[in-house]
Amino acid sequence: MLKNKTNIKHIVFALIGLVILNLISNTIYKRFDLTKDQRYTLSITTKDIINSVEAPLIIDVFLEGELPSEFRLLQTETKQLIEEFQVLNSLVKVNYINPLEDETTRERNIQELRKSGLEPYINSNKTSGKVTQELIFGWAFASYKGNTQKIPLFKKSLTTDLQTQIANSIQQLEYHFADGFNKITKQKSKKIAILKGNGQLADINIADFLTTIQPYYNIGPFTLDSVASNPQKTLNDLNKYDLIISAKPTKPFSEEEKLVLDQYTMNGGKSIWLTEAMVMDKDSLYNASGSSVTIARDLNLNDFFFQYGVRINQNLVKDLYSAPITLAVGEGNNTQFQPIQWQYSPLATANIENPISNNIDLVKFDFASQIDTLKNNISKTVLLQTSGRSKLEGALQTVSLASVTQQPDEDSYNKAPQNLAVLLEGRFNSVYKNRILPFKVNNFKEAGSATKMVVISDGDVIKNEVSRNRPIQLGFDQFTGRTYGNKEFLLNTVNYLLDDTGLINIRSKNIEIAFLNSDKIESNKLNWQLLNIALPLVLLGVFGFGFNYFRKRKYSK
């Protein structure tokens, strides 16, 4: 009797303990990220964005259905990341949609998604001796308070294999989601001035770039023409902007204009300079019977950049690792457009140590110049460089389209990588320090506040092509179908210079992805099938036979 009471008491205590444990677990909920690379630990920036959501944030994910193993990994990582969002804020809702599931609506769904800018990835499957193609939509939509933003889940690249593309996509998942959420949940506060008046590119030639940054920032044109009549007012107006962009100026800057720009920098203003030291572009070649002579371009900015710590040299960089130029080959009805390697269009490689240029495709340049970095108190980071098979050409050289038919002398391409884009950070000293000022400035500063500047030695980096009076996507070559990393590089540059949310730092997150070797799997498929299917059956048969044998032997006596 006493023993039964003791057992009942233990059961009661156990039940009470379970109830208490359940109450505690419902009150205190904690998830632990035990991965080596902390892939499921959200950044502070992402948490701030998710926590700021005050209405339902709907995510429609189209990466669904029967997928190849690489995309199943991307699908799993996407779902786990969204789960982290939902744990943080219950207002985050998700719908997983397979647009190809219903054969009756399949084609209509494909067309609708493509109209929305969601181009599918065409996967060619060559396993088991058969070649099949399937469409995969590596995209998602985020909707918040009537605003919708597309979010890329798959980061396509023509220069890497599928596994590397998947790895890069997984690495950028949090960034792309946080970036998309930020666009539709935050109010724009930063202002960008697009400089005019010194022969910069027309709006239609930078239209795709402006469209890209428009969701993030307030953008407006700013002309320096008023410097001649009221330079102080021009400076005061310019100081209202957080960033200025000068896209391929072709006319020299006056000393008054330079002083305004200098004092803007001294007051902490940030800037992107896409300038050229040589007069040469493809349009001039096409319009000049296929050849032209290179001429040095003087924008009266040499002392400006020299004081800040860089020098854009008056030369052209040629590189064996370059993009093609498309030329008409043949005559009459036999004329065809053919891409031919063009050493004046170097493909710049990125500095993976900096979040601006980390994990981006090659950036295409056209007639770029070499940039030297000079010793001063300013921190300098080279963002883009040529390959180690480059050479330099000075002024008064003839550039001819006919040269594409000649085999380049590879031995002459022996220069080290040449700098094409440099980031400057620190407290700049004024160009007009200890000099007579072109006009009197209120509160002239000889040394400035901490700021940042990016100098790029080619204005064509930001230039989009125009077809039928409409801009083409920046970085897209309509003849080869290849997309270069120009737009992503420039967007990262602007975000880095103006980033007050820390989004750019998410790009630096490194995630280690382990993939199976598909070639080994195919070649050793029979061995693995025997090991995983036949061997367990054999062991089970041996065990059954042995069990029956010893059982009969034991009980037959």
Protein backbone atom coordinates (compact mmCIF):
# COMPACT_ATOMS: atom_id res chain seq x y z
CA MET A 1 0.00 0.00 0.00
CA LEU A 2 2.81 2.38 0.93
CA LYS A 3 4.59 1.50 -2.28
CA ASN A 4 1.52 2.37 -4.36
CA LYS A 5 1.19 5.77 -2.64
CA THR A 6 4.86 6.47 -3.38
CA ASN A 7 4.37 5.62 -7.05
CA ILE A 8 1.29 7.86 -7.28
CA LYS A 9 3.22 10.69 -5.67
CA HIS A 10 6.05 10.30 -8.21
CA ILE A 11 3.56 10.34 -11.08
CA VAL A 12 1.87 13.50 -9.74
CA PHE A 13 5.22 15.26 -9.33
CA ALA A 14 6.21 14.22 -12.85
CA LEU A 15 2.95 15.58 -14.29
CA ILE A 16 3.35 18.87 -12.39
CA GLY A 17 6.94 19.12 -13.66
CA LEU A 18 5.83 18.55 -17.24
CA VAL A 19 3.13 21.23 -16.93
CA ILE A 20 5.65 23.73 -15.51
CA LEU A 21 8.18 22.85 -18.22
CA ASN A 22 5.52 23.31 -20.90
CA LEU A 23 4.51 26.71 -19.51
CA ILE A 24 8.14 27.83 -19.43
CA SER A 25 8.77 26.61 -22.98
CA ASN A 26 5.73 28.54 -24.23
CA THR A 27 6.87 31.68 -22.46
CA ILE A 28 10.59 31.49 -23.24
CA TYR A 29 11.38 30.48 -26.83
CA LYS A 30 14.96 30.29 -28.05
CA ARG A 31 16.55 29.02 -31.28
CA PHE A 32 20.23 28.14 -31.39
CA ASP A 33 22.36 28.43 -34.52
CA LEU A 34 24.96 25.68 -34.22
CA THR A 35 26.30 26.04 -37.78
CA LYS A 36 29.97 26.91 -38.15
CA ASP A 37 29.29 29.88 -40.47
CA GLN A 38 26.26 31.14 -38.47
CA ARG A 39 24.16 31.09 -41.63
CA TYR A 40 20.86 31.22 -39.71
CA THR A 41 21.85 34.12 -37.47
CA LEU A 42 20.26 37.26 -38.88
CA SER A 43 22.24 40.47 -38.97
CA ILE A 44 21.24 43.42 -36.82
CA THR A 45 20.20 45.31 -39.96
CA THR A 46 17.84 42.54 -41.07
CA LYS A 47 16.35 42.28 -37.58
CA ASP A 48 15.71 46.02 -37.49
CA ILE A 49 13.92 45.90 -40.84
CA ILE A 50 11.77 42.88 -39.87
CA ASN A 51 10.94 44.34 -36.46
CA SER A 52 9.80 47.60 -38.09
CA VAL A 53 7.07 45.79 -40.06
CA GLU A 54 3.68 47.02 -38.79
CA ALA A 55 1.35 45.38 -41.34
CA PRO A 56 1.30 41.98 -43.05
CA LEU A 57 4.41 41.44 -45.15
CA ILE A 58 3.48 38.82 -47.74
CA ILE A 59 6.20 36.76 -49.43
CA ASP A 60 5.33 34.74 -52.55
CA VAL A 61 8.07 32.23 -53.34
CA PHE A 62 8.07 30.63 -56.81
CA LEU A 63 10.96 28.22 -56.22
CA GLU A 64 8.69 25.19 -55.90
CA GLY A 65 8.06 21.82 -57.57
CA GLU A 66 10.38 19.02 -58.64
CA LEU A 67 13.80 20.65 -58.65
CA PRO A 68 17.39 19.48 -59.32
CA SER A 69 19.40 18.71 -56.19
CA GLU A 70 21.30 22.03 -56.33
CA PHE A 71 18.08 24.03 -56.45
CA ARG A 72 16.54 21.89 -53.69
CA LEU A 73 19.39 23.09 -51.49
CA LEU A 74 18.59 26.70 -52.42
CA GLN A 75 14.91 26.00 -51.77
CA THR A 76 15.67 24.58 -48.30
CA GLU A 77 17.90 27.52 -47.37
CA THR A 78 15.20 29.96 -48.55
CA LYS A 79 12.53 28.30 -46.41
CA GLN A 80 14.76 28.22 -43.34
CA LEU A 81 15.63 31.90 -43.75
CA ILE A 82 11.95 32.84 -44.06
CA GLU A 83 11.25 30.82 -40.90
CA GLU A 84 13.75 33.05 -39.10
CA PHE A 85 11.83 36.10 -40.36
CA GLN A 86 8.55 34.65 -39.08
CA VAL A 87 9.99 33.84 -35.67
CA LEU A 88 11.07 37.46 -35.40
CA ASN A 89 7.74 38.95 -36.53
CA SER A 90 4.45 37.07 -36.89
CA LEU A 91 3.29 39.60 -39.49
CA VAL A 92 5.60 37.96 -42.03
CA LYS A 93 3.46 35.59 -44.12
CA VAL A 94 4.63 33.28 -46.89
CA ASN A 95 3.06 31.48 -49.85
CA TYR A 96 4.98 28.79 -51.72
CA ILE A 97 3.74 28.71 -55.31
CA ASN A 98 4.63 26.37 -58.15
CA PRO A 99 3.71 28.34 -61.30
CA LEU A 100 4.34 25.30 -63.53
CA GLU A 101 2.24 22.79 -61.60
CA ASP A 102 -1.03 23.21 -63.50
CA GLU A 103 -0.62 22.39 -67.19
CA THR A 104 -3.73 24.44 -68.11
CA THR A 105 -2.27 27.67 -66.67
CA ARG A 106 1.44 26.92 -67.11
CA GLU A 107 2.08 29.03 -70.24
CA ARG A 108 -0.02 31.93 -68.97
CA ASN A 109 1.87 31.94 -65.65
CA ILE A 110 5.21 31.90 -67.45
CA GLN A 111 4.22 34.90 -69.58
CA GLU A 112 2.89 36.84 -66.57
CA LEU A 113 6.04 36.23 -64.55
CA ARG A 114 8.23 37.25 -67.46
CA LYS A 115 6.24 40.45 -67.91
CA SER A 116 6.99 41.21 -64.26
CA GLY A 117 10.70 40.84 -64.94
CA LEU A 118 11.04 37.34 -63.48
CA GLU A 119 13.07 35.51 -66.10
CA PRO A 120 13.38 31.76 -65.48
CA TYR A 121 16.59 29.76 -65.37
CA ILE A 122 16.71 27.10 -68.10
CA ASN A 123 18.25 24.00 -66.55
CA SER A 124 19.71 21.36 -68.87
CA ASN A 125 19.71 17.93 -67.26
CA LYS A 126 22.19 15.48 -68.82
CA THR A 127 21.96 12.61 -66.36
CA SER A 128 21.21 9.00 -67.37
CA GLY A 129 22.13 9.69 -70.99
CA LYS A 130 19.14 11.95 -71.61
CA VAL A 131 19.12 15.71 -72.17
CA THR A 132 16.07 17.54 -70.82
CA GLN A 133 15.38 21.22 -70.22
CA GLU A 134 13.22 22.66 -67.49
CA LEU A 135 12.30 26.17 -66.37
CA ILE A 136 13.08 27.19 -62.81
CA PHE A 137 11.82 30.47 -61.36
CA GLY A 138 14.33 31.44 -58.69
CA TRP A 139 12.31 34.47 -57.61
CA ALA A 140 10.03 35.76 -54.88
CA PHE A 141 7.65 38.70 -54.50
CA ALA A 142 7.40 40.76 -51.30
CA SER A 143 4.26 42.86 -50.76
CA TYR A 144 3.74 45.46 -48.03
CA LYS A 145 1.06 48.15 -47.75
CA GLY A 146 0.29 48.04 -51.48
CA ASN A 147 3.96 48.07 -52.55
CA THR A 148 5.50 45.06 -54.29
CA GLN A 149 9.15 44.24 -54.82
CA LYS A 150 10.68 41.31 -56.69
CA ILE A 151 13.45 39.44 -54.86
CA PRO A 152 16.02 37.31 -56.71
CA LEU A 153 16.70 33.97 -55.05
CA PHE A 154 19.05 32.68 -57.75
CA LYS A 155 22.06 34.77 -58.75
CA LYS A 156 22.86 33.82 -62.34
CA SER A 157 26.38 34.08 -63.73
CA LEU A 158 27.79 33.09 -67.12
CA THR A 159 31.34 32.70 -65.81
CA THR A 160 30.78 30.06 -63.09
CA ASP A 161 29.27 26.57 -62.91
CA LEU A 162 25.84 25.86 -61.44
CA GLN A 163 27.11 24.78 -58.03
CA THR A 164 29.09 28.01 -57.63
CA GLN A 165 26.05 30.01 -58.73
CA ILE A 166 23.91 28.23 -56.12
CA ALA A 167 26.55 28.82 -53.43
CA ASN A 168 26.70 32.52 -54.30
CA SER A 169 22.90 32.69 -54.31
CA ILE A 170 22.65 31.16 -50.85
CA GLN A 171 25.32 33.52 -49.60
CA GLN A 172 23.30 36.51 -50.85
CA LEU A 173 19.83 35.32 -49.77
CA GLU A 174 19.65 37.40 -46.60
CA TYR A 175 20.97 40.47 -48.45
CA HIS A 176 18.40 40.20 -51.25
CA PHE A 177 15.50 39.71 -48.83
CA ALA A 178 16.63 42.52 -46.54
CA ASP A 179 17.24 44.77 -49.55
CA GLY A 180 13.76 44.05 -50.96
CA PHE A 181 12.07 44.56 -47.60
CA ASN A 182 13.96 47.80 -47.08
CA LYS A 183 12.70 49.21 -50.40
CA ILE A 184 9.02 48.70 -49.55
CA THR A 185 9.06 49.39 -45.80
CA LYS A 186 11.39 52.39 -45.41
CA GLN A 187 10.95 55.98 -46.48
CA LYS A 188 13.64 57.45 -48.73
CA SER A 189 15.75 60.01 -46.90
CA LYS A 190 19.07 60.37 -48.74
CA LYS A 191 19.43 62.70 -51.75
CA ILE A 192 21.64 62.23 -54.80
CA ALA A 193 22.65 64.98 -57.23
CA ILE A 194 23.41 64.03 -60.82
CA LEU A 195 25.85 66.70 -61.97
CA LYS A 196 25.12 68.51 -65.23
CA GLY A 197 26.70 71.34 -67.19
CA ASN A 198 30.13 69.86 -67.99
CA GLY A 199 29.16 67.62 -70.88
CA GLN A 200 28.08 64.67 -68.75
CA LEU A 201 26.11 61.78 -70.24
CA ALA A 202 22.51 62.47 -71.24
CA ASP A 203 19.75 61.09 -69.03
CA ILE A 204 18.81 58.40 -71.55
CA ASN A 205 22.36 57.03 -71.39
CA ILE A 206 22.19 56.58 -67.60
CA ALA A 207 18.45 55.84 -67.44
CA ASP A 208 18.80 52.21 -66.33
CA PHE A 209 21.16 53.14 -63.51
CA LEU A 210 18.84 55.93 -62.33
CA THR A 211 15.91 53.50 -62.41
CA THR A 212 17.95 51.06 -60.31
CA ILE A 213 18.76 53.50 -57.50
CA GLN A 214 15.41 55.32 -57.59
CA PRO A 215 13.72 52.95 -55.08
CA TYR A 216 16.43 53.74 -52.51
CA TYR A 217 17.07 57.45 -52.83
CA ASN A 218 15.71 60.81 -53.94
CA ILE A 219 17.43 61.78 -57.19
CA GLY A 220 17.69 65.15 -58.89
CA PRO A 221 19.80 66.88 -61.57
CA PHE A 222 22.18 69.58 -60.40
CA THR A 223 23.84 72.02 -62.76
CA LEU A 224 26.95 74.00 -61.88
CA ASP A 225 26.09 76.76 -64.36
CA SER A 226 24.88 79.01 -61.53
CA VAL A 227 28.42 79.07 -60.09
CA ALA A 228 29.26 81.91 -62.46
CA SER A 229 26.57 84.19 -61.05
CA ASN A 230 26.19 83.05 -57.42
CA PRO A 231 28.80 80.49 -56.33
CA GLN A 232 27.98 80.65 -52.60
CA LYS A 233 24.31 79.86 -53.21
CA THR A 234 25.34 77.00 -55.50
CA LEU A 235 27.52 75.58 -52.74
CA ASN A 236 24.74 75.95 -50.15
CA ASP A 237 22.31 74.14 -52.47
CA LEU A 238 24.80 71.39 -53.24
CA ASN A 239 25.43 70.79 -49.52
CA LYS A 240 21.81 69.66 -49.22
CA TYR A 241 22.68 66.50 -51.16
CA ASP A 242 24.33 63.47 -49.59
CA LEU A 243 26.04 62.25 -52.78
CA ILE A 244 27.01 63.67 -56.15
CA ILE A 245 27.62 61.63 -59.32
CA SER A 246 29.53 63.00 -62.29
CA ALA A 247 29.04 60.62 -65.23
CA LYS A 248 31.64 61.06 -67.99
CA PRO A 249 32.18 64.84 -68.06
CA THR A 250 33.71 66.08 -71.32
CA LYS A 251 34.07 69.84 -70.67
CA PRO A 252 36.68 71.32 -68.29
CA PHE A 253 35.64 72.47 -64.81
CA SER A 254 36.31 76.10 -63.93
CA GLU A 255 38.21 77.03 -60.77
CA GLU A 256 34.96 78.35 -59.26
CA GLU A 257 33.22 75.04 -59.94
CA LYS A 258 36.14 73.10 -58.48
CA LEU A 259 36.06 75.20 -55.32
CA VAL A 260 32.34 74.47 -54.88
CA LEU A 261 33.00 70.75 -55.34
CA ASP A 262 36.01 70.89 -53.03
CA GLN A 263 34.11 72.58 -50.22
CA TYR A 264 31.21 70.17 -50.72
CA THR A 265 33.71 67.38 -50.03
CA MET A 266 35.17 69.26 -47.05
CA ASN A 267 31.65 69.47 -45.59
CA GLY A 268 31.36 65.67 -45.66
CA GLY A 269 29.71 65.27 -49.07
CA LYS A 270 30.30 61.98 -50.84
CA SER A 271 30.95 61.59 -54.56
CA ILE A 272 31.36 59.18 -57.45
CA TRP A 273 33.56 60.34 -60.32
CA LEU A 274 33.42 58.49 -63.64
CA THR A 275 35.97 60.46 -65.60
CA GLU A 276 38.16 59.79 -68.62
CA ALA A 277 41.65 61.04 -69.38
CA MET A 278 41.50 60.26 -73.11
CA VAL A 279 39.14 61.30 -75.90
CA MET A 280 38.05 58.03 -77.46
CA ASP A 281 34.88 55.92 -77.60
CA LYS A 282 33.31 53.36 -79.89
CA ASP A 283 30.83 55.85 -81.32
CA SER A 284 33.69 57.97 -82.67
CA LEU A 285 35.16 54.87 -84.32
CA TYR A 286 31.88 53.93 -85.96
CA ASN A 287 31.43 57.50 -87.23
CA ALA A 288 35.00 57.98 -88.44
CA SER A 289 35.43 55.22 -91.02
CA GLY A 290 36.64 52.78 -88.40
CA SER A 291 39.69 54.61 -87.03
CA SER A 292 40.52 57.57 -84.81
CA VAL A 293 43.48 59.08 -82.97
CA THR A 294 43.59 59.13 -79.16
CA ILE A 295 43.81 62.61 -77.64
CA ALA A 296 44.44 63.53 -74.03
CA ARG A 297 41.39 65.03 -72.31
CA ASP A 298 41.99 67.86 -69.82
CA LEU A 299 39.06 68.37 -67.44
CA ASN A 300 41.14 70.67 -65.21
CA LEU A 301 40.76 68.10 -62.42
CA ASN A 302 44.35 66.85 -62.17
CA ASP A 303 45.20 68.90 -59.07
CA PHE A 304 41.75 68.09 -57.66
CA PHE A 305 42.33 64.31 -57.65
CA PHE A 306 46.07 64.65 -56.93
CA GLN A 307 45.35 66.43 -53.65
CA TYR A 308 42.86 63.72 -52.66
CA GLY A 309 45.31 60.91 -53.41
CA VAL A 310 44.84 59.54 -56.94
CA ARG A 311 46.02 60.33 -60.46
CA ILE A 312 44.18 59.31 -63.62
CA ASN A 313 46.95 58.88 -66.18
CA GLN A 314 46.58 59.98 -69.79
CA ASN A 315 46.76 56.55 -71.35
CA LEU A 316 44.55 53.66 -72.43
CA VAL A 317 44.59 50.22 -70.87
CA LYS A 318 44.52 47.20 -73.15
CA ASP A 319 43.93 43.72 -71.76
CA LEU A 320 43.96 40.25 -73.27
CA TYR A 321 41.15 39.37 -70.88
CA SER A 322 38.55 41.57 -72.51
CA ALA A 323 35.01 41.79 -73.86
CA PRO A 324 34.21 41.44 -77.56
CA ILE A 325 33.18 44.23 -79.89
CA THR A 326 30.39 43.44 -82.37
CA LEU A 327 31.17 44.28 -86.00
CA ALA A 328 29.38 43.73 -89.30
CA VAL A 329 31.25 41.05 -91.26
CA GLY A 330 30.55 40.40 -94.95
CA GLU A 331 28.82 42.35 -97.67
CA GLY A 332 25.25 42.82 -98.85
CA ASN A 333 22.85 40.05 -97.89
CA ASN A 334 25.72 38.05 -96.42
CA THR A 335 26.44 40.66 -93.75
CA GLN A 336 26.44 39.23 -90.22
CA PHE A 337 27.10 40.80 -86.85
CA GLN A 338 29.95 38.96 -85.20
CA PRO A 339 31.53 39.50 -81.75
CA ILE A 340 35.32 39.78 -81.97
CA GLN A 341 37.73 40.11 -79.04
CA TRP A 342 38.54 43.78 -78.36
CA GLN A 343 41.48 44.53 -76.08
CA TYR A 344 40.28 48.09 -75.42
CA SER A 345 37.33 46.68 -73.41
CA PRO A 346 39.01 45.15 -70.35
CA LEU A 347 36.93 42.97 -68.05
CA ALA A 348 37.83 44.13 -64.56
CA THR A 349 38.06 41.69 -61.68
CA ALA A 350 36.75 42.64 -58.27
CA ASN A 351 38.37 43.00 -54.87
CA ILE A 352 36.55 40.32 -52.85
CA GLU A 353 37.73 41.86 -49.59
CA ASN A 354 35.46 44.89 -49.99
CA PRO A 355 31.64 44.65 -49.79
CA ILE A 356 31.28 46.94 -52.83
CA SER A 357 32.94 44.51 -55.18
CA ASN A 358 32.52 41.22 -53.33
CA ASN A 359 30.59 38.53 -55.21
CA ILE A 360 29.89 40.49 -58.41
CA ASP A 361 30.40 39.56 -62.06
CA LEU A 362 33.16 41.00 -64.21
CA VAL A 363 32.75 44.73 -64.89
CA LYS A 364 33.10 45.87 -68.48
CA PHE A 365 35.15 48.98 -69.33
CA ASP A 366 35.62 50.76 -72.67
CA PHE A 367 38.77 52.81 -73.27
CA ALA A 368 39.71 53.07 -69.59
CA SER A 369 42.78 54.76 -68.15
CA GLN A 370 45.18 53.64 -65.45
CA ILE A 371 44.77 55.06 -61.93
CA ASP A 372 47.76 55.61 -59.64
CA THR A 373 47.31 55.88 -55.88
CA LEU A 374 49.40 58.52 -54.12
CA LYS A 375 50.68 58.67 -50.57
CA ASN A 376 48.72 60.90 -48.20
CA ASN A 377 46.50 60.55 -45.12
CA ILE A 378 43.59 59.08 -47.09
CA SER A 379 42.77 55.36 -47.00
CA LYS A 380 42.66 53.87 -50.51
CA THR A 381 41.08 50.59 -51.58
CA VAL A 382 41.40 49.32 -55.14
CA LEU A 383 37.97 48.02 -56.14
CA LEU A 384 38.53 46.93 -59.76
CA GLN A 385 41.64 45.90 -61.69
CA THR A 386 42.58 44.47 -65.05
CA SER A 387 44.16 41.06 -65.39
CA GLY A 388 47.92 40.54 -65.24
CA ARG A 389 48.06 40.43 -69.07
CA SER A 390 47.66 44.12 -69.84
CA LYS A 391 49.54 46.92 -71.60
CA LEU A 392 49.33 50.73 -71.79
CA GLU A 393 49.03 53.06 -74.79
CA GLY A 394 49.70 56.78 -74.65
CA ALA A 395 48.15 59.67 -76.55
CA LEU A 396 48.30 60.22 -80.32
CA GLN A 397 47.86 56.53 -81.06
CA THR A 398 45.63 55.36 -83.90
CA VAL A 399 42.82 53.08 -82.80
CA SER A 400 41.33 51.13 -85.69
CA LEU A 401 38.50 48.63 -85.87
CA ALA A 402 40.55 46.81 -88.49
CA SER A 403 43.00 45.79 -85.75
CA VAL A 404 40.54 43.13 -84.57
CA THR A 405 41.60 41.00 -87.55
CA GLN A 406 45.22 40.99 -86.34
CA GLN A 407 46.50 38.55 -83.75
CA PRO A 408 47.67 40.54 -80.69
CA ASP A 409 51.31 40.31 -79.68
CA GLU A 410 50.74 38.51 -76.39
CA ASP A 411 54.35 39.01 -75.25
CA SER A 412 53.75 42.77 -75.12
CA TYR A 413 50.85 42.33 -72.68
CA ASN A 414 53.16 41.97 -69.70
CA LYS A 415 52.01 44.70 -67.32
CA ALA A 416 50.81 43.97 -63.80
CA PRO A 417 47.08 44.46 -63.00
CA GLN A 418 46.09 48.09 -63.58
CA ASN A 419 43.79 50.00 -61.20
CA LEU A 420 40.51 51.09 -62.78
CA ALA A 421 38.37 51.99 -59.73
CA VAL A 422 39.53 53.23 -56.32
CA LEU A 423 37.69 53.97 -53.07
CA LEU A 424 39.00 56.90 -50.99
CA GLU A 425 38.03 57.28 -47.33
CA GLY A 426 39.10 59.72 -44.65
CA ARG A 427 39.43 63.42 -43.87
CA PHE A 428 40.45 65.17 -47.09
CA ASN A 429 42.57 68.30 -47.26
CA SER A 430 41.25 71.10 -49.46
CA VAL A 431 42.67 71.53 -52.94
CA TYR A 432 42.70 75.28 -52.21
CA LYS A 433 44.58 75.07 -48.94
CA ASN A 434 47.19 77.89 -48.87
CA ARG A 435 45.97 79.12 -52.26
CA ILE A 436 44.12 82.22 -53.44
CA LEU A 437 40.43 81.40 -53.62
CA PRO A 438 38.54 81.99 -56.89
CA PHE A 439 35.73 83.50 -54.81
CA LYS A 440 35.09 84.22 -51.16
CA VAL A 441 33.58 81.27 -49.33
CA ASN A 442 31.67 81.51 -46.07
CA ASN A 443 33.39 79.31 -43.46
CA PHE A 444 36.08 78.04 -45.84
CA LYS A 445 37.49 74.69 -44.66
CA GLU A 446 41.09 73.70 -45.26
CA ALA A 447 40.49 70.22 -43.82
CA GLY A 448 37.25 68.34 -44.11
CA SER A 449 34.97 66.06 -42.18
CA ALA A 450 35.31 62.30 -42.69
CA THR A 451 33.83 61.30 -46.04
CA LYS A 452 34.17 58.88 -48.96
CA MET A 453 34.79 59.12 -52.69
CA VAL A 454 35.01 56.60 -55.53
CA VAL A 455 37.02 57.38 -58.67
CA ILE A 456 36.43 55.30 -61.82
CA SER A 457 38.58 55.86 -64.89
CA ASP A 458 35.87 55.24 -67.49
CA GLY A 459 32.51 56.97 -67.90
CA ASP A 460 31.15 54.12 -70.03
CA VAL A 461 30.90 51.92 -66.94
CA ILE A 462 27.63 53.71 -66.13
CA LYS A 463 26.43 54.09 -69.72
CA ASN A 464 23.60 51.90 -70.99
CA GLU A 465 23.09 51.25 -74.67
CA VAL A 466 20.02 52.71 -76.41
CA SER A 467 17.89 50.80 -78.91
CA ARG A 468 14.92 52.39 -80.73
CA ASN A 469 15.23 55.40 -78.46
CA ARG A 470 14.80 53.23 -75.36
CA PRO A 471 17.51 52.39 -72.82
CA ILE A 472 18.79 48.82 -72.57
CA GLN A 473 19.70 47.22 -69.27
CA LEU A 474 23.05 48.49 -67.99
CA GLY A 475 25.79 45.92 -68.52
CA PHE A 476 23.75 43.85 -71.01
CA ASP A 477 25.31 43.03 -74.38
CA GLN A 478 22.40 42.51 -76.75
CA PHE A 479 24.56 40.75 -79.34
CA THR A 480 26.19 38.14 -77.09
CA GLY A 481 23.37 37.97 -74.53
CA ARG A 482 25.86 38.36 -71.69
CA THR A 483 25.24 40.60 -68.68
CA TYR A 484 28.25 42.17 -66.98
CA GLY A 485 28.43 43.32 -63.37
CA ASN A 486 28.38 47.08 -64.06
CA LYS A 487 24.96 47.78 -62.56
CA GLU A 488 25.52 45.72 -59.44
CA PHE A 489 28.92 47.30 -58.89
CA LEU A 490 27.55 50.84 -59.16
CA LEU A 491 24.54 50.06 -56.97
CA ASN A 492 26.84 48.59 -54.33
CA THR A 493 29.03 51.68 -54.58
CA VAL A 494 26.11 54.03 -53.97
CA ASN A 495 24.79 51.85 -51.13
CA TYR A 496 28.23 51.74 -49.53
CA LEU A 497 28.72 55.49 -49.70
CA LEU A 498 25.23 56.28 -48.39
CA ASP A 499 24.43 53.19 -46.35
CA ASP A 500 22.86 54.09 -43.01
CA THR A 501 21.13 50.73 -42.59
CA GLY A 502 24.13 48.44 -42.82
CA LEU A 503 22.69 46.54 -45.78
CA ILE A 504 25.98 46.54 -47.62
CA ASN A 505 27.66 44.65 -44.76
CA ILE A 506 25.32 41.68 -45.22
CA ARG A 507 27.01 41.08 -48.56
CA SER A 508 30.21 40.17 -46.72
CA LYS A 509 28.59 37.21 -44.99
CA ASN A 510 30.40 34.01 -45.98
CA ILE A 511 28.53 30.72 -46.05
CA GLU A 512 30.28 27.42 -46.78
CA ILE A 513 28.19 25.14 -48.98
CA ALA A 514 29.08 21.46 -49.42
CA PHE A 515 27.96 19.85 -52.69
CA LEU A 516 28.04 16.24 -53.89
CA ASN A 517 30.19 15.56 -56.94
CA SER A 518 27.65 14.72 -59.67
CA ASP A 519 30.31 13.12 -61.93
CA LYS A 520 31.41 10.73 -59.17
CA ILE A 521 27.79 9.95 -58.36
CA GLU A 522 27.10 9.03 -61.99
CA SER A 523 30.27 6.95 -62.43
CA ASN A 524 29.86 5.11 -59.08
CA LYS A 525 26.07 4.87 -59.19
CA LEU A 526 26.00 1.05 -59.35
CA ASN A 527 28.37 0.70 -56.39
CA TRP A 528 26.24 3.01 -54.25
CA GLN A 529 23.05 1.23 -55.29
CA LEU A 530 24.54 -2.13 -54.32
CA LEU A 531 25.79 -0.68 -51.03
CA ASN A 532 22.50 0.98 -50.09
CA ILE A 533 19.98 -1.54 -51.48
CA ALA A 534 21.54 -4.95 -52.08
CA LEU A 535 23.85 -5.10 -49.04
CA PRO A 536 21.10 -4.45 -46.44
CA LEU A 537 18.98 -7.20 -48.09
CA VAL A 538 21.91 -9.62 -48.03
CA LEU A 539 22.64 -8.84 -44.37
CA LEU A 540 18.95 -9.24 -43.54
CA GLY A 541 18.86 -12.61 -45.34
CA VAL A 542 22.01 -13.82 -43.56
CA PHE A 543 20.57 -12.75 -40.22
CA GLY A 544 17.23 -14.50 -40.93
CA PHE A 545 18.92 -17.67 -42.09
CA GLY A 546 21.24 -17.72 -39.06
CA PHE A 547 18.41 -16.97 -36.66
CA ASN A 548 16.27 -19.85 -38.00
CA TYR A 549 19.23 -22.19 -38.10
CA PHE A 550 20.25 -21.65 -34.47
CA ARG A 551 16.60 -21.67 -33.35
CA LYS A 552 15.95 -25.04 -34.96
CA ARG A 553 19.21 -26.41 -33.59
CA LYS A 554 18.34 -25.26 -30.05
CA TYR A 555 14.79 -26.61 -29.92
CA SER A 556 15.31 -29.79 -31.94
CA LYS A 557 17.25 -31.40 -29.09
